Amino acid sequence: MSNNESKELYPKPLGGWLLVYLITLLISEAMYISGVIRILPDLTNLIEERNWIQNVILLGTFIKTLVTGLLLLLFISKKSYAPRLIIIFEVFCILIRILTYIDYYSRGQTIPNSYHLSILVGIISIIWIFYFWKANRVKETFING
């Protein structure tokens, strides 16, 4: 077995931009959990008072909380399918942001300034999608089956 073949068996350690993404996942999970804890006491009232788009956004918050926790586990264990799931997750987050915009627009409300930050986060999600799709570092790190 040549030296190149033995290198392929072992994943690269987490570092660089992957470490930045891992920290982002940790912060996101903490924010999602705090949001879910805040929502849970009034969940039935919230569902009854909201329209279908708002309920989808609310459901999206629960899904993002669960999926982020799963991604953290897959990310740390360097599973080979983790990058594909991260791409799907980032697309899902972008779709929730678009639904939020549609909700504000459909109700004729002024979009809050905080939503501009959400647009920036959506652009960053697009950058992460391309990174996990194309980067050699990702391919060399996530090789565990």
C-alpha atoms as a PDB file:
ATOM      1  CA  MET A   1       0.000   0.000   0.000  1.00  0.00           C
ATOM      2  CA  SER A   2       1.459   3.347  -1.035  1.00  0.00           C
ATOM      3  CA  ASN A   3       1.620   6.429   1.152  1.00  0.00           C
ATOM      4  CA  ASN A   4      -1.222   8.117  -0.784  1.00  0.00           C
ATOM      5  CA  GLU A   5      -3.520   5.131  -0.261  1.00  0.00           C
ATOM      6  CA  SER A   6      -2.933   5.118   3.485  1.00  0.00           C
ATOM      7  CA  LYS A   7      -3.649   8.869   3.677  1.00  0.00           C
ATOM      8  CA  GLU A   8      -7.026   8.328   2.023  1.00  0.00           C
ATOM      9  CA  LEU A   9      -8.132   5.994   4.818  1.00  0.00           C
ATOM     10  CA  TYR A  10      -7.797   8.654   7.498  1.00  0.00           C
ATOM     11  CA  PRO A  11      -9.867  11.836   7.488  1.00  0.00           C
ATOM     12  CA  LYS A  12      -8.269  15.215   7.950  1.00  0.00           C
ATOM     13  CA  PRO A  13      -8.931  16.816  11.327  1.00  0.00           C
ATOM     14  CA  LEU A  14     -11.560  19.508  11.664  1.00  0.00           C
ATOM     15  CA  GLY A  15      -9.994  22.871  11.068  1.00  0.00           C
ATOM     16  CA  GLY A  16     -10.155  26.044   9.035  1.00  0.00           C
ATOM     17  CA  TRP A  17     -13.576  26.891   7.676  1.00  0.00           C
ATOM     18  CA  LEU A  18     -14.996  23.598   8.920  1.00  0.00           C
ATOM     19  CA  LEU A  19     -14.212  24.690  12.460  1.00  0.00           C
ATOM     20  CA  VAL A  20     -15.977  27.997  11.779  1.00  0.00           C
ATOM     21  CA  TYR A  21     -19.039  26.073  10.574  1.00  0.00           C
ATOM     22  CA  LEU A  22     -18.944  23.829  13.642  1.00  0.00           C
ATOM     23  CA  ILE A  23     -18.921  26.879  15.928  1.00  0.00           C
ATOM     24  CA  THR A  24     -21.789  28.345  13.890  1.00  0.00           C
ATOM     25  CA  LEU A  25     -23.753  25.115  14.362  1.00  0.00           C
ATOM     26  CA  LEU A  26     -23.165  25.195  18.113  1.00  0.00           C
ATOM     27  CA  ILE A  27     -24.342  28.806  18.392  1.00  0.00           C
ATOM     28  CA  SER A  28     -27.345  28.115  16.144  1.00  0.00           C
ATOM     29  CA  GLU A  29     -28.369  25.108  18.220  1.00  0.00           C
ATOM     30  CA  ALA A  30     -28.210  27.163  21.414  1.00  0.00           C
ATOM     31  CA  MET A  31     -30.379  29.862  19.811  1.00  0.00           C
ATOM     32  CA  TYR A  32     -32.886  27.332  18.436  1.00  0.00           C
ATOM     33  CA  ILE A  33     -33.195  25.607  21.812  1.00  0.00           C
ATOM     34  CA  SER A  34     -33.776  28.918  23.602  1.00  0.00           C
ATOM     35  CA  GLY A  35     -36.393  29.839  20.992  1.00  0.00           C
ATOM     36  CA  VAL A  36     -38.187  26.513  21.377  1.00  0.00           C
ATOM     37  CA  ILE A  37     -38.154  26.831  25.172  1.00  0.00           C
ATOM     38  CA  ARG A  38     -39.675  30.296  24.818  1.00  0.00           C
ATOM     39  CA  ILE A  39     -42.358  29.050  22.396  1.00  0.00           C
ATOM     40  CA  LEU A  40     -43.428  25.826  24.162  1.00  0.00           C
ATOM     41  CA  PRO A  41     -45.624  27.290  26.950  1.00  0.00           C
ATOM     42  CA  ASP A  42     -47.916  29.056  24.445  1.00  0.00           C
ATOM     43  CA  LEU A  43     -47.635  26.588  21.575  1.00  0.00           C
ATOM     44  CA  THR A  44     -51.352  25.801  21.192  1.00  0.00           C
ATOM     45  CA  ASN A  45     -52.289  29.498  21.342  1.00  0.00           C
ATOM     46  CA  LEU A  46     -49.630  30.344  18.793  1.00  0.00           C
ATOM     47  CA  ILE A  47     -50.858  27.678  16.373  1.00  0.00           C
ATOM     48  CA  GLU A  48     -54.491  28.832  16.665  1.00  0.00           C
ATOM     49  CA  GLU A  49     -53.656  32.524  16.215  1.00  0.00           C
ATOM     50  CA  ARG A  50     -51.361  32.178  13.217  1.00  0.00           C
ATOM     51  CA  ASN A  51     -51.913  31.602   9.523  1.00  0.00           C
ATOM     52  CA  TRP A  52     -50.528  28.589   7.681  1.00  0.00           C
ATOM     53  CA  ILE A  53     -47.271  30.305   6.672  1.00  0.00           C
ATOM     54  CA  GLN A  54     -46.549  31.267  10.269  1.00  0.00           C
ATOM     55  CA  ASN A  55     -47.309  27.709  11.396  1.00  0.00           C
ATOM     56  CA  VAL A  56     -44.884  26.347   8.786  1.00  0.00           C
ATOM     57  CA  ILE A  57     -42.238  28.779  10.081  1.00  0.00           C
ATOM     58  CA  LEU A  58     -42.981  27.624  13.646  1.00  0.00           C
ATOM     59  CA  LEU A  59     -42.678  23.978  12.597  1.00  0.00           C
ATOM     60  CA  GLY A  60     -39.473  24.903  10.784  1.00  0.00           C
ATOM     61  CA  THR A  61     -38.012  26.155  14.062  1.00  0.00           C
ATOM     62  CA  PHE A  62     -38.639  22.769  15.681  1.00  0.00           C
ATOM     63  CA  ILE A  63     -37.210  20.929  12.669  1.00  0.00           C
ATOM     64  CA  LYS A  64     -34.123  23.158  12.588  1.00  0.00           C
ATOM     65  CA  THR A  65     -33.538  22.481  16.289  1.00  0.00           C
ATOM     66  CA  LEU A  66     -33.640  18.704  15.814  1.00  0.00           C
ATOM     67  CA  VAL A  67     -31.664  18.668  12.578  1.00  0.00           C
ATOM     68  CA  THR A  68     -28.953  20.978  13.943  1.00  0.00           C
ATOM     69  CA  GLY A  69     -28.415  18.585  16.858  1.00  0.00           C
ATOM     70  CA  LEU A  70     -28.190  15.664  14.426  1.00  0.00           C
ATOM     71  CA  LEU A  71     -25.785  17.585  12.191  1.00  0.00           C
ATOM     72  CA  LEU A  72     -23.553  18.313  15.166  1.00  0.00           C
ATOM     73  CA  LEU A  73     -23.272  14.587  15.861  1.00  0.00           C
ATOM     74  CA  LEU A  74     -22.639  13.707  12.209  1.00  0.00           C
ATOM     75  CA  PHE A  75     -20.205  16.590  11.824  1.00  0.00           C
ATOM     76  CA  ILE A  76     -18.102  15.587  14.800  1.00  0.00           C
ATOM     77  CA  SER A  77     -18.101  11.912  13.735  1.00  0.00           C
ATOM     78  CA  LYS A  78     -17.143  13.010  10.167  1.00  0.00           C
ATOM     79  CA  LYS A  79     -19.743  10.853   8.449  1.00  0.00           C
ATOM     80  CA  SER A  80     -19.437  10.912   4.665  1.00  0.00           C
ATOM     81  CA  TYR A  81     -23.079  11.893   4.182  1.00  0.00           C
ATOM     82  CA  ALA A  82     -22.872  14.861   6.583  1.00  0.00           C
ATOM     83  CA  PRO A  83     -21.983  17.400   3.839  1.00  0.00           C
ATOM     84  CA  ARG A  84     -25.057  16.408   1.785  1.00  0.00           C
ATOM     85  CA  LEU A  85     -27.289  16.770   4.845  1.00  0.00           C
ATOM     86  CA  ILE A  86     -25.688  20.135   5.634  1.00  0.00           C
ATOM     87  CA  ILE A  87     -26.462  21.333   2.099  1.00  0.00           C
ATOM     88  CA  ILE A  88     -30.088  20.186   2.444  1.00  0.00           C
ATOM     89  CA  PHE A  89     -30.293  21.861   5.862  1.00  0.00           C
ATOM     90  CA  GLU A  90     -28.937  25.165   4.534  1.00  0.00           C
ATOM     91  CA  VAL A  91     -31.434  25.093   1.634  1.00  0.00           C
ATOM     92  CA  PHE A  92     -34.211  24.421   4.171  1.00  0.00           C
ATOM     93  CA  CYS A  93     -33.088  27.437   6.240  1.00  0.00           C
ATOM     94  CA  ILE A  94     -33.131  29.620   3.123  1.00  0.00           C
ATOM     95  CA  LEU A  95     -36.674  28.432   2.314  1.00  0.00           C
ATOM     96  CA  ILE A  96     -37.846  29.302   5.840  1.00  0.00           C
ATOM     97  CA  ARG A  97     -36.357  32.799   5.396  1.00  0.00           C
ATOM     98  CA  ILE A  98     -38.202  33.172   2.084  1.00  0.00           C
ATOM     99  CA  LEU A  99     -41.463  32.049   3.730  1.00  0.00           C
ATOM    100  CA  THR A 100     -40.922  34.640   6.463  1.00  0.00           C
ATOM    101  CA  TYR A 101     -40.551  37.337   3.799  1.00  0.00           C
ATOM    102  CA  ILE A 102     -43.685  36.106   2.005  1.00  0.00           C
ATOM    103  CA  ASP A 103     -45.589  36.205   5.316  1.00  0.00           C
ATOM    104  CA  TYR A 104     -44.635  39.832   5.965  1.00  0.00           C
ATOM    105  CA  TYR A 105     -45.381  40.818   2.385  1.00  0.00           C
ATOM    106  CA  SER A 106     -48.738  38.980   2.231  1.00  0.00           C
ATOM    107  CA  ARG A 107     -49.960  40.695   5.414  1.00  0.00           C
ATOM    108  CA  GLY A 108     -48.854  44.097   4.126  1.00  0.00           C
ATOM    109  CA  GLN A 109     -46.472  44.601   7.019  1.00  0.00           C
ATOM    110  CA  THR A 110     -43.263  46.528   6.943  1.00  0.00           C
ATOM    111  CA  ILE A 111     -40.293  44.203   6.970  1.00  0.00           C
ATOM    112  CA  PRO A 112     -38.407  44.749  10.245  1.00  0.00           C
ATOM    113  CA  ASN A 113     -34.770  45.820  10.175  1.00  0.00           C
ATOM    114  CA  SER A 114     -33.819  42.535  11.831  1.00  0.00           C
ATOM    115  CA  TYR A 115     -34.895  40.758   8.654  1.00  0.00           C
ATOM    116  CA  HIS A 116     -32.035  42.405   6.773  1.00  0.00           C
ATOM    117  CA  LEU A 117     -29.700  40.446   9.028  1.00  0.00           C
ATOM    118  CA  SER A 118     -31.672  37.334   8.092  1.00  0.00           C
ATOM    119  CA  ILE A 119     -31.020  38.101   4.414  1.00  0.00           C
ATOM    120  CA  LEU A 120     -27.296  38.329   5.178  1.00  0.00           C
ATOM    121  CA  VAL A 121     -27.453  34.967   6.965  1.00  0.00           C
ATOM    122  CA  GLY A 122     -29.243  33.538   3.904  1.00  0.00           C
ATOM    123  CA  ILE A 123     -26.419  34.749   1.667  1.00  0.00           C
ATOM    124  CA  ILE A 124     -23.920  33.157   4.043  1.00  0.00           C
ATOM    125  CA  SER A 125     -25.960  29.925   3.801  1.00  0.00           C
ATOM    126  CA  ILE A 126     -25.526  30.018   0.013  1.00  0.00           C
ATOM    127  CA  ILE A 127     -21.766  30.391   0.483  1.00  0.00           C
ATOM    128  CA  TRP A 128     -21.756  27.378   2.871  1.00  0.00           C
ATOM    129  CA  ILE A 129     -23.714  25.342   0.329  1.00  0.00           C
ATOM    130  CA  PHE A 130     -21.067  25.953  -2.324  1.00  0.00           C
ATOM    131  CA  TYR A 131     -18.284  25.292   0.185  1.00  0.00           C
ATOM    132  CA  PHE A 132     -19.685  21.913   1.257  1.00  0.00           C
ATOM    133  CA  TRP A 133     -20.423  21.045  -2.352  1.00  0.00           C
ATOM    134  CA  LYS A 134     -17.041  21.890  -3.892  1.00  0.00           C
ATOM    135  CA  ALA A 135     -14.272  22.145  -1.268  1.00  0.00           C
ATOM    136  CA  ASN A 136     -11.549  19.508  -1.283  1.00  0.00           C
ATOM    137  CA  ARG A 137     -11.108  19.992   2.468  1.00  0.00           C
ATOM    138  CA  VAL A 138     -14.680  18.790   2.983  1.00  0.00           C
ATOM    139  CA  LYS A 139     -14.118  15.720   0.804  1.00  0.00           C
ATOM    140  CA  GLU A 140     -10.911  14.891   2.649  1.00  0.00           C
ATOM    141  CA  THR A 141     -12.464  15.341   6.091  1.00  0.00           C
ATOM    142  CA  PHE A 142     -15.799  13.545   5.730  1.00  0.00           C
ATOM    143  CA  ILE A 143     -14.804  10.053   4.625  1.00  0.00           C
ATOM    144  CA  ASN A 144     -16.208   7.873   7.432  1.00  0.00           C
ATOM    145  CA  GLY A 145     -19.009   5.717   6.059  1.00  0.00           C
END
